[in-house]
């Protein structure tokens, strides 16, 4: 992996790790554009921590070592977003 890509991946991992830890500890998401769609911030934080761990170990271990971290983090982040009811069509 080139050094530029490595720096970029580790920066994203650090950002996800910090925001995930804050969300788990405080129950509030620090990123305003993410905060709007999340109903369970602590669950989102746990998923973000798993994603950060997956990105951080990507350059240390082969793919099978991170193969459980990435999908588990994605599932937790997806579940934290919640389901929003669809709007009923307006009658004319």
PDB file of N, CA and C in Angstrom:
ATOM      1  N   UNK A   1       0.852  -1.165   0.000  1.00  0.00           N
ATOM      2  CA  UNK A   1       0.000   0.000   0.000  1.00  0.00           C
ATOM      3  C   UNK A   1       0.904   1.236   0.000  1.00  0.00           C
ATOM      4  N   UNK A   2       0.584   2.188  -0.847  1.00  0.00           N
ATOM      5  CA  UNK A   2       1.428   3.374  -0.903  1.00  0.00           C
ATOM      6  C   UNK A   2       1.252   4.205   0.364  1.00  0.00           C
ATOM      7  N   UNK A   3       2.211   5.047   0.622  1.00  0.00           N
ATOM      8  CA  UNK A   3       2.193   5.817   1.865  1.00  0.00           C
ATOM      9  C   UNK A   3       1.058   6.839   1.888  1.00  0.00           C
ATOM     10  N   UNK A   4       0.682   7.376   0.728  1.00  0.00           N
ATOM     11  CA  UNK A   4      -0.420   8.349   0.689  1.00  0.00           C
ATOM     12  C   UNK A   4      -1.740   7.677   1.051  1.00  0.00           C
ATOM     13  N   UNK A   5      -1.968   6.492   0.486  1.00  0.00           N
ATOM     14  CA  UNK A   5      -3.186   5.748   0.786  1.00  0.00           C
ATOM     15  C   UNK A   5      -3.198   5.330   2.255  1.00  0.00           C
ATOM     16  N   UNK A   6      -2.057   4.924   2.752  1.00  0.00           N
ATOM     17  CA  UNK A   6      -1.952   4.529   4.153  1.00  0.00           C
ATOM     18  C   UNK A   6      -2.296   5.689   5.079  1.00  0.00           C
ATOM     19  N   UNK A   7      -1.786   6.861   4.795  1.00  0.00           N
ATOM     20  CA  UNK A   7      -2.088   8.039   5.613  1.00  0.00           C
ATOM     21  C   UNK A   7      -3.569   8.371   5.536  1.00  0.00           C
ATOM     22  N   UNK A   8      -4.150   8.285   4.355  1.00  0.00           N
ATOM     23  CA  UNK A   8      -5.573   8.572   4.185  1.00  0.00           C
ATOM     24  C   UNK A   8      -6.441   7.578   4.951  1.00  0.00           C
ATOM     25  N   UNK A   9      -6.130   6.287   4.840  1.00  0.00           N
ATOM     26  CA  UNK A   9      -6.900   5.252   5.526  1.00  0.00           C
ATOM     27  C   UNK A   9      -6.776   5.394   7.042  1.00  0.00           C
ATOM     28  N   UNK A  10      -5.575   5.663   7.525  1.00  0.00           N
ATOM     29  CA  UNK A  10      -5.393   5.825   8.971  1.00  0.00           C
ATOM     30  C   UNK A  10      -6.063   7.095   9.493  1.00  0.00           C
ATOM     31  N   UNK A  11      -6.125   8.139   8.672  1.00  0.00           N
ATOM     32  CA  UNK A  11      -6.833   9.361   9.071  1.00  0.00           C
ATOM     33  C   UNK A  11      -8.328   9.107   9.192  1.00  0.00           C
ATOM     34  N   UNK A  12      -8.892   8.391   8.239  1.00  0.00           N
ATOM     35  CA  UNK A  12     -10.315   8.049   8.300  1.00  0.00           C
ATOM     36  C   UNK A  12     -10.587   7.138   9.498  1.00  0.00           C
ATOM     37  N   UNK A  13      -9.689   6.185   9.739  1.00  0.00           N
ATOM     38  CA  UNK A  13      -9.847   5.300  10.891  1.00  0.00           C
ATOM     39  C   UNK A  13      -9.795   6.081  12.194  1.00  0.00           C
ATOM     40  N   UNK A  14      -8.896   7.040  12.288  1.00  0.00           N
ATOM     41  CA  UNK A  14      -8.800   7.861  13.498  1.00  0.00           C
ATOM     42  C   UNK A  14     -10.064   8.698  13.689  1.00  0.00           C
ATOM     43  N   UNK A  15     -10.568   9.287  12.604  1.00  0.00           N
ATOM     44  CA  UNK A  15     -11.790  10.082  12.697  1.00  0.00           C
ATOM     45  C   UNK A  15     -12.979   9.223  13.124  1.00  0.00           C
ATOM     46  N   UNK A  16     -13.116   8.040  12.534  1.00  0.00           N
ATOM     47  CA  UNK A  16     -14.197   7.137  12.917  1.00  0.00           C
ATOM     48  C   UNK A  16     -14.041   6.670  14.359  1.00  0.00           C
ATOM     49  N   UNK A  17     -12.816   6.392  14.759  1.00  0.00           N
ATOM     50  CA  UNK A  17     -12.575   5.940  16.129  1.00  0.00           C
ATOM     51  C   UNK A  17     -12.922   6.995  17.156  1.00  0.00           C
ATOM     52  N   UNK A  18     -12.534   8.231  16.899  1.00  0.00           N
ATOM     53  CA  UNK A  18     -12.827   9.310  17.846  1.00  0.00           C
ATOM     54  C   UNK A  18     -14.325   9.591  17.908  1.00  0.00           C
ATOM     55  N   UNK A  19     -14.981   9.704  16.753  1.00  0.00           N
ATOM     56  CA  UNK A  19     -16.421   9.977  16.776  1.00  0.00           C
ATOM     57  C   UNK A  19     -17.207   8.788  17.330  1.00  0.00           C
ATOM     58  N   UNK A  20     -16.747   7.572  17.067  1.00  0.00           N
ATOM     59  CA  UNK A  20     -17.401   6.387  17.619  1.00  0.00           C
ATOM     60  C   UNK A  20     -17.263   6.322  19.125  1.00  0.00           C
ATOM     61  N   UNK A  21     -16.072   6.615  19.633  1.00  0.00           N
ATOM     62  CA  UNK A  21     -15.865   6.611  21.090  1.00  0.00           C
ATOM     63  C   UNK A  21     -16.698   7.694  21.763  1.00  0.00           C
ATOM     64  N   UNK A  22     -16.759   8.870  21.150  1.00  0.00           N
ATOM     65  CA  UNK A  22     -17.598   9.939  21.708  1.00  0.00           C
ATOM     66  C   UNK A  22     -19.070   9.552  21.710  1.00  0.00           C
ATOM     67  N   UNK A  23     -19.513   8.911  20.646  1.00  0.00           N
ATOM     68  CA  UNK A  23     -20.918   8.505  20.565  1.00  0.00           C
ATOM     69  C   UNK A  23     -21.242   7.436  21.598  1.00  0.00           C
ATOM     70  N   UNK A  24     -20.323   6.504  21.826  1.00  0.00           N
ATOM     71  CA  UNK A  24     -20.573   5.460  22.822  1.00  0.00           C
ATOM     72  C   UNK A  24     -20.582   6.048  24.229  1.00  0.00           C
ATOM     73  N   UNK A  25     -19.652   6.960  24.511  1.00  0.00           N
ATOM     74  CA  UNK A  25     -19.543   7.507  25.864  1.00  0.00           C
ATOM     75  C   UNK A  25     -20.627   8.529  26.184  1.00  0.00           C
ATOM     76  N   UNK A  26     -20.944   9.406  25.234  1.00  0.00           N
ATOM     77  CA  UNK A  26     -21.873  10.496  25.527  1.00  0.00           C
ATOM     78  C   UNK A  26     -23.279  10.261  25.011  1.00  0.00           C
ATOM     79  N   UNK A  27     -23.444   9.354  24.050  1.00  0.00           N
ATOM     80  CA  UNK A  27     -24.762   9.143  23.462  1.00  0.00           C
ATOM     81  C   UNK A  27     -25.132  10.216  22.464  1.00  0.00           C
ATOM     82  N   UNK A  28     -24.143  10.939  21.971  1.00  0.00           N
ATOM     83  CA  UNK A  28     -24.375  12.022  21.019  1.00  0.00           C
ATOM     84  C   UNK A  28     -23.314  11.944  19.928  1.00  0.00           C
ATOM     85  N   UNK A  29     -23.716  12.141  18.692  1.00  0.00           N
ATOM     86  CA  UNK A  29     -22.790  12.062  17.565  1.00  0.00           C
ATOM     87  C   UNK A  29     -22.251  13.454  17.279  1.00  0.00           C
ATOM     88  N   UNK A  30     -20.934  13.560  17.147  1.00  0.00           N
ATOM     89  CA  UNK A  30     -20.283  14.855  16.981  1.00  0.00           C
ATOM     90  C   UNK A  30     -20.407  15.414  15.556  1.00  0.00           C
ATOM     91  N   UNK A  31     -20.678  14.573  14.579  1.00  0.00           N
ATOM     92  CA  UNK A  31     -20.757  15.016  13.192  1.00  0.00           C
ATOM     93  C   UNK A  31     -22.190  15.403  12.848  1.00  0.00           C
ATOM     94  N   UNK A  32     -22.458  16.678  12.547  1.00  0.00           N
ATOM     95  CA  UNK A  32     -23.838  17.107  12.334  1.00  0.00           C
ATOM     96  C   UNK A  32     -24.514  16.465  11.132  1.00  0.00           C
ATOM     97  N   UNK A  33     -23.788  16.164  10.063  1.00  0.00           N
ATOM     98  CA  UNK A  33     -24.413  15.567   8.886  1.00  0.00           C
ATOM     99  C   UNK A  33     -24.751  14.100   9.107  1.00  0.00           C
ATOM    100  N   UNK A  34     -24.165  13.474  10.096  1.00  0.00           N
ATOM    101  CA  UNK A  34     -24.495  12.088  10.428  1.00  0.00           C
ATOM    102  C   UNK A  34     -25.603  12.049  11.470  1.00  0.00           C
ATOM    103  N   UNK A  35     -25.613  13.021  12.348  1.00  0.00           N
ATOM    104  CA  UNK A  35     -26.541  13.063  13.476  1.00  0.00           C
ATOM    105  C   UNK A  35     -28.005  13.055  13.046  1.00  0.00           C
ATOM    106  N   UNK A  36     -28.314  13.631  11.906  1.00  0.00           N
ATOM    107  CA  UNK A  36     -29.709  13.765  11.466  1.00  0.00           C
ATOM    108  C   UNK A  36     -30.407  12.421  11.278  1.00  0.00           C
ATOM    109  N   UNK A  37     -29.718  11.447  10.721  1.00  0.00           N
ATOM    110  CA  UNK A  37     -30.367  10.198  10.372  1.00  0.00           C
ATOM    111  C   UNK A  37     -30.227   9.081  11.384  1.00  0.00           C
ATOM    112  N   UNK A  38     -29.531   9.324  12.483  1.00  0.00           N
ATOM    113  CA  UNK A  38     -29.251   8.253  13.436  1.00  0.00           C
ATOM    114  C   UNK A  38     -30.210   8.324  14.612  1.00  0.00           C
ATOM    115  N   UNK A  39     -30.861   7.207  14.884  1.00  0.00           N
ATOM    116  CA  UNK A  39     -31.786   7.142  16.014  1.00  0.00           C
ATOM    117  C   UNK A  39     -31.144   6.557  17.261  1.00  0.00           C
ATOM    118  N   UNK A  40     -30.123   5.727  17.107  1.00  0.00           N
ATOM    119  CA  UNK A  40     -29.438   5.103  18.235  1.00  0.00           C
ATOM    120  C   UNK A  40     -27.947   5.432  18.163  1.00  0.00           C
ATOM    121  N   UNK A  41     -27.535   6.542  18.768  1.00  0.00           N
ATOM    122  CA  UNK A  41     -26.142   6.973  18.613  1.00  0.00           C
ATOM    123  C   UNK A  41     -25.114   6.039  19.248  1.00  0.00           C
ATOM    124  N   UNK A  42     -25.452   5.375  20.336  1.00  0.00           N
ATOM    125  CA  UNK A  42     -24.479   4.468  20.955  1.00  0.00           C
ATOM    126  C   UNK A  42     -24.225   3.248  20.073  1.00  0.00           C
ATOM    127  N   UNK A  43     -25.248   2.750  19.428  1.00  0.00           N
ATOM    128  CA  UNK A  43     -25.097   1.640  18.504  1.00  0.00           C
ATOM    129  C   UNK A  43     -24.285   2.070  17.291  1.00  0.00           C
ATOM    130  N   UNK A  44     -24.529   3.281  16.805  1.00  0.00           N
ATOM    131  CA  UNK A  44     -23.754   3.827  15.705  1.00  0.00           C
ATOM    132  C   UNK A  44     -22.289   3.954  16.110  1.00  0.00           C
ATOM    133  N   UNK A  45     -22.051   4.386  17.333  1.00  0.00           N
ATOM    134  CA  UNK A  45     -20.682   4.524  17.819  1.00  0.00           C
ATOM    135  C   UNK A  45     -19.958   3.195  17.885  1.00  0.00           C
ATOM    136  N   UNK A  46     -20.659   2.154  18.318  1.00  0.00           N
ATOM    137  CA  UNK A  46     -20.041   0.826  18.356  1.00  0.00           C
ATOM    138  C   UNK A  46     -19.695   0.355  16.942  1.00  0.00           C
ATOM    139  N   UNK A  47     -20.581   0.602  15.995  1.00  0.00           N
ATOM    140  CA  UNK A  47     -20.301   0.247  14.609  1.00  0.00           C
ATOM    141  C   UNK A  47     -19.143   1.050  14.036  1.00  0.00           C
ATOM    142  N   UNK A  48     -19.078   2.328  14.378  1.00  0.00           N
ATOM    143  CA  UNK A  48     -17.975   3.167  13.902  1.00  0.00           C
ATOM    144  C   UNK A  48     -16.643   2.697  14.487  1.00  0.00           C
ATOM    145  N   UNK A  49     -16.654   2.248  15.734  1.00  0.00           N
ATOM    146  CA  UNK A  49     -15.430   1.719  16.330  1.00  0.00           C
ATOM    147  C   UNK A  49     -14.977   0.440  15.624  1.00  0.00           C
ATOM    148  N   UNK A  50     -15.915  -0.409  15.262  1.00  0.00           N
ATOM    149  CA  UNK A  50     -15.556  -1.627  14.527  1.00  0.00           C
ATOM    150  C   UNK A  50     -15.019  -1.295  13.130  1.00  0.00           C
ATOM    151  N   UNK A  51     -15.636  -0.320  12.478  1.00  0.00           N
ATOM    152  CA  UNK A  51     -15.142   0.102  11.168  1.00  0.00           C
ATOM    153  C   UNK A  51     -13.737   0.691  11.276  1.00  0.00           C
ATOM    154  N   UNK A  52     -13.506   1.496  12.325  1.00  0.00           N
ATOM    155  CA  UNK A  52     -12.188   2.081  12.531  1.00  0.00           C
ATOM    156  C   UNK A  52     -11.143   0.998  12.786  1.00  0.00           C
ATOM    157  N   UNK A  53     -11.515  -0.002  13.570  1.00  0.00           N
ATOM    158  CA  UNK A  53     -10.585  -1.104  13.832  1.00  0.00           C
ATOM    159  C   UNK A  53     -10.288  -1.870  12.548  1.00  0.00           C
ATOM    160  N   UNK A  54     -11.301  -2.069  11.724  1.00  0.00           N
ATOM    161  CA  UNK A  54     -11.108  -2.779  10.457  1.00  0.00           C
ATOM    162  C   UNK A  54     -10.158  -2.009   9.546  1.00  0.00           C
ATOM    163  N   UNK A  55     -10.327  -0.696   9.466  1.00  0.00           N
ATOM    164  CA  UNK A  55      -9.438   0.111   8.625  1.00  0.00           C
ATOM    165  C   UNK A  55      -8.031   0.173   9.200  1.00  0.00           C
ATOM    166  N   UNK A  56      -7.925   0.217  10.517  1.00  0.00           N
ATOM    167  CA  UNK A  56      -6.607   0.332  11.139  1.00  0.00           C
ATOM    168  C   UNK A  56      -5.785  -0.940  10.965  1.00  0.00           C
ATOM    169  N   UNK A  57      -6.421  -2.088  11.009  1.00  0.00           N
ATOM    170  CA  UNK A  57      -5.665  -3.336  10.877  1.00  0.00           C
ATOM    171  C   UNK A  57      -5.564  -3.813   9.439  1.00  0.00           C
ATOM    172  N   UNK A  58      -6.142  -3.071   8.502  1.00  0.00           N
ATOM    173  CA  UNK A  58      -6.147  -3.502   7.100  1.00  0.00           C
ATOM    174  C   UNK A  58      -4.740  -3.649   6.546  1.00  0.00           C
ATOM    175  N   UNK A  59      -3.811  -2.850   6.990  1.00  0.00           N
ATOM    176  CA  UNK A  59      -2.458  -2.926   6.460  1.00  0.00           C
ATOM    177  C   UNK A  59      -1.549  -3.835   7.287  1.00  0.00           C
ATOM    178  N   UNK A  60      -2.073  -4.352   8.404  1.00  0.00           N
ATOM    179  CA  UNK A  60      -1.276  -5.237   9.257  1.00  0.00           C
ATOM    180  C   UNK A  60      -1.568  -6.717   9.037  1.00  0.00           C
ATOM    181  N   UNK A  61      -2.825  -7.046   8.821  1.00  0.00           N
ATOM    182  CA  UNK A  61      -3.230  -8.444   8.729  1.00  0.00           C
ATOM    183  C   UNK A  61      -3.834  -8.709   7.355  1.00  0.00           C
ATOM    184  N   UNK A  62      -3.858  -9.966   6.934  1.00  0.00           N
ATOM    185  CA  UNK A  62      -4.514 -10.279   5.658  1.00  0.00           C
ATOM    186  C   UNK A  62      -6.025 -10.048   5.749  1.00  0.00           C
ATOM    187  N   UNK A  63      -6.686 -10.123   4.603  1.00  0.00           N
ATOM    188  CA  UNK A  63      -8.113  -9.789   4.551  1.00  0.00           C
ATOM    189  C   UNK A  63      -8.957 -10.630   5.489  1.00  0.00           C
ATOM    190  N   UNK A  64      -8.631 -11.904   5.650  1.00  0.00           N
ATOM    191  CA  UNK A  64      -9.463 -12.748   6.503  1.00  0.00           C
ATOM    192  C   UNK A  64      -9.421 -12.298   7.963  1.00  0.00           C
ATOM    193  N   UNK A  65      -8.394 -11.557   8.355  1.00  0.00           N
ATOM    194  CA  UNK A  65      -8.322 -11.052   9.717  1.00  0.00           C
ATOM    195  C   UNK A  65      -9.298  -9.932   9.994  1.00  0.00           C
ATOM    196  N   UNK A  66      -9.615  -9.172   8.979  1.00  0.00           N
ATOM    197  CA  UNK A  66     -10.551  -8.070   9.155  1.00  0.00           C
ATOM    198  C   UNK A  66     -11.920  -8.388   8.568  1.00  0.00           C
ATOM    199  N   UNK A  67     -12.098  -9.599   8.057  1.00  0.00           N
ATOM    200  CA  UNK A  67     -13.318  -9.921   7.340  1.00  0.00           C
ATOM    201  C   UNK A  67     -14.555  -9.919   8.226  1.00  0.00           C
ATOM    202  N   UNK A  68     -14.406 -10.078   9.519  1.00  0.00           N
ATOM    203  CA  UNK A  68     -15.562 -10.014  10.409  1.00  0.00           C
ATOM    204  C   UNK A  68     -15.786  -8.613  10.972  1.00  0.00           C
ATOM    205  N   UNK A  69     -14.737  -7.829  11.094  1.00  0.00           N
ATOM    206  CA  UNK A  69     -14.872  -6.485  11.650  1.00  0.00           C
ATOM    207  C   UNK A  69     -15.671  -5.561  10.733  1.00  0.00           C
ATOM    208  N   UNK A  70     -15.347  -5.579   9.459  1.00  0.00           N
ATOM    209  CA  UNK A  70     -15.996  -4.669   8.513  1.00  0.00           C
ATOM    210  C   UNK A  70     -17.499  -4.919   8.377  1.00  0.00           C
ATOM    211  N   UNK A  71     -17.960  -6.152   8.108  1.00  0.00           N
ATOM    212  CA  UNK A  71     -19.403  -6.360   8.003  1.00  0.00           C
ATOM    213  C   UNK A  71     -20.138  -6.122   9.317  1.00  0.00           C
ATOM    214  N   UNK A  72     -19.513  -6.476  10.442  1.00  0.00           N
ATOM    215  CA  UNK A  72     -20.164  -6.245  11.736  1.00  0.00           C
ATOM    216  C   UNK A  72     -20.344  -4.753  11.982  1.00  0.00           C
ATOM    217  N   UNK A  73     -19.342  -3.959  11.656  1.00  0.00           N
ATOM    218  CA  UNK A  73     -19.457  -2.510  11.810  1.00  0.00           C
ATOM    219  C   UNK A  73     -20.506  -1.919  10.890  1.00  0.00           C
ATOM    220  N   UNK A  74     -20.551  -2.398   9.650  1.00  0.00           N
ATOM    221  CA  UNK A  74     -21.546  -1.900   8.701  1.00  0.00           C
ATOM    222  C   UNK A  74     -22.967  -2.235   9.146  1.00  0.00           C
ATOM    223  N   UNK A  75     -23.154  -3.436   9.681  1.00  0.00           N
ATOM    224  CA  UNK A  75     -24.482  -3.834  10.152  1.00  0.00           C
ATOM    225  C   UNK A  75     -24.908  -2.964  11.332  1.00  0.00           C
ATOM    226  N   UNK A  76     -24.009  -2.708  12.268  1.00  0.00           N
ATOM    227  CA  UNK A  76     -24.364  -1.870  13.421  1.00  0.00           C
ATOM    228  C   UNK A  76     -24.687  -0.436  12.999  1.00  0.00           C
ATOM    229  N   UNK A  77     -23.898   0.106  12.094  1.00  0.00           N
ATOM    230  CA  UNK A  77     -24.168   1.469  11.612  1.00  0.00           C
ATOM    231  C   UNK A  77     -25.504   1.512  10.880  1.00  0.00           C
ATOM    232  N   UNK A  78     -25.783   0.485  10.084  1.00  0.00           N
ATOM    233  CA  UNK A  78     -27.053   0.430   9.348  1.00  0.00           C
ATOM    234  C   UNK A  78     -28.236   0.318  10.308  1.00  0.00           C
ATOM    235  N   UNK A  79     -28.123  -0.521  11.336  1.00  0.00           N
ATOM    236  CA  UNK A  79     -29.217  -0.705  12.296  1.00  0.00           C
ATOM    237  C   UNK A  79     -29.453   0.556  13.132  1.00  0.00           C
ATOM    238  N   UNK A  80     -28.423   1.323  13.378  1.00  0.00           N
ATOM    239  CA  UNK A  80     -28.558   2.527  14.190  1.00  0.00           C
ATOM    240  C   UNK A  80     -29.316   3.622  13.458  1.00  0.00           C
ATOM    241  N   UNK A  81     -29.344   3.569  12.159  1.00  0.00           N
ATOM    242  CA  UNK A  81     -30.029   4.609  11.394  1.00  0.00           C
ATOM    243  C   UNK A  81     -31.530   4.553  11.588  1.00  0.00           C
ATOM    244  N   UNK A  82     -32.066   3.400  11.844  1.00  0.00           N
ATOM    245  CA  UNK A  82     -33.498   3.290  12.097  1.00  0.00           C
ATOM    246  C   UNK A  82     -34.309   3.316  10.826  1.00  0.00           C
ATOM    247  N   UNK A  83     -35.538   2.985  10.997  1.00  0.00           N
ATOM    248  CA  UNK A  83     -36.461   2.989   9.862  1.00  0.00           C
ATOM    249  C   UNK A  83     -37.394   4.175   9.980  1.00  0.00           C
ATOM    250  N   UNK A  84     -37.501   4.873   8.927  1.00  0.00           N
ATOM    251  CA  UNK A  84     -38.408   6.021   8.908  1.00  0.00           C
ATOM    252  C   UNK A  84     -39.655   5.639   8.124  1.00  0.00           C
ATOM    253  N   UNK A  85     -40.815   5.950   8.662  1.00  0.00           N
ATOM    254  CA  UNK A  85     -42.038   5.613   7.931  1.00  0.00           C
ATOM    255  C   UNK A  85     -42.148   6.439   6.646  1.00  0.00           C
ATOM    256  N   UNK A  86     -42.662   5.802   5.638  1.00  0.00           N
ATOM    257  CA  UNK A  86     -42.857   6.517   4.379  1.00  0.00           C
ATOM    258  C   UNK A  86     -44.061   7.432   4.500  1.00  0.00           C
ATOM    259  N   UNK A  87     -43.973   8.529   3.806  1.00  0.00           N
ATOM    260  CA  UNK A  87     -45.088   9.470   3.803  1.00  0.00           C
ATOM    261  C   UNK A  87     -46.203   8.917   2.937  1.00  0.00           C
ATOM    262  N   UNK A  88     -47.421   9.106   3.391  1.00  0.00           N
ATOM    263  CA  UNK A  88     -48.558   8.688   2.601  1.00  0.00           C
ATOM    264  C   UNK A  88     -48.737   9.641   1.433  1.00  0.00           C
ATOM    265  N   UNK A  89     -49.115   9.124   0.289  1.00  0.00           N
ATOM    266  CA  UNK A  89     -49.329  10.015  -0.854  1.00  0.00           C
ATOM    267  C   UNK A  89     -50.483  10.975  -0.570  1.00  0.00           C
ATOM    268  N   UNK A  90     -50.287  12.179  -1.010  1.00  0.00           N
ATOM    269  CA  UNK A  90     -51.306  13.209  -0.773  1.00  0.00           C
ATOM    270  C   UNK A  90     -52.480  13.051  -1.739  1.00  0.00           C
ATOM    271  N   UNK A  91     -53.653  13.201  -1.205  1.00  0.00           N
ATOM    272  CA  UNK A  91     -54.862  13.149  -2.045  1.00  0.00           C
ATOM    273  C   UNK A  91     -55.043  14.515  -2.713  1.00  0.00           C
ATOM    274  N   UNK A  92     -55.447  14.484  -3.968  1.00  0.00           N
ATOM    275  CA  UNK A  92     -55.637  15.763  -4.677  1.00  0.00           C
ATOM    276  C   UNK A  92     -57.066  16.179  -4.662  1.00  0.00           C
TER     277      UNK A  92
END
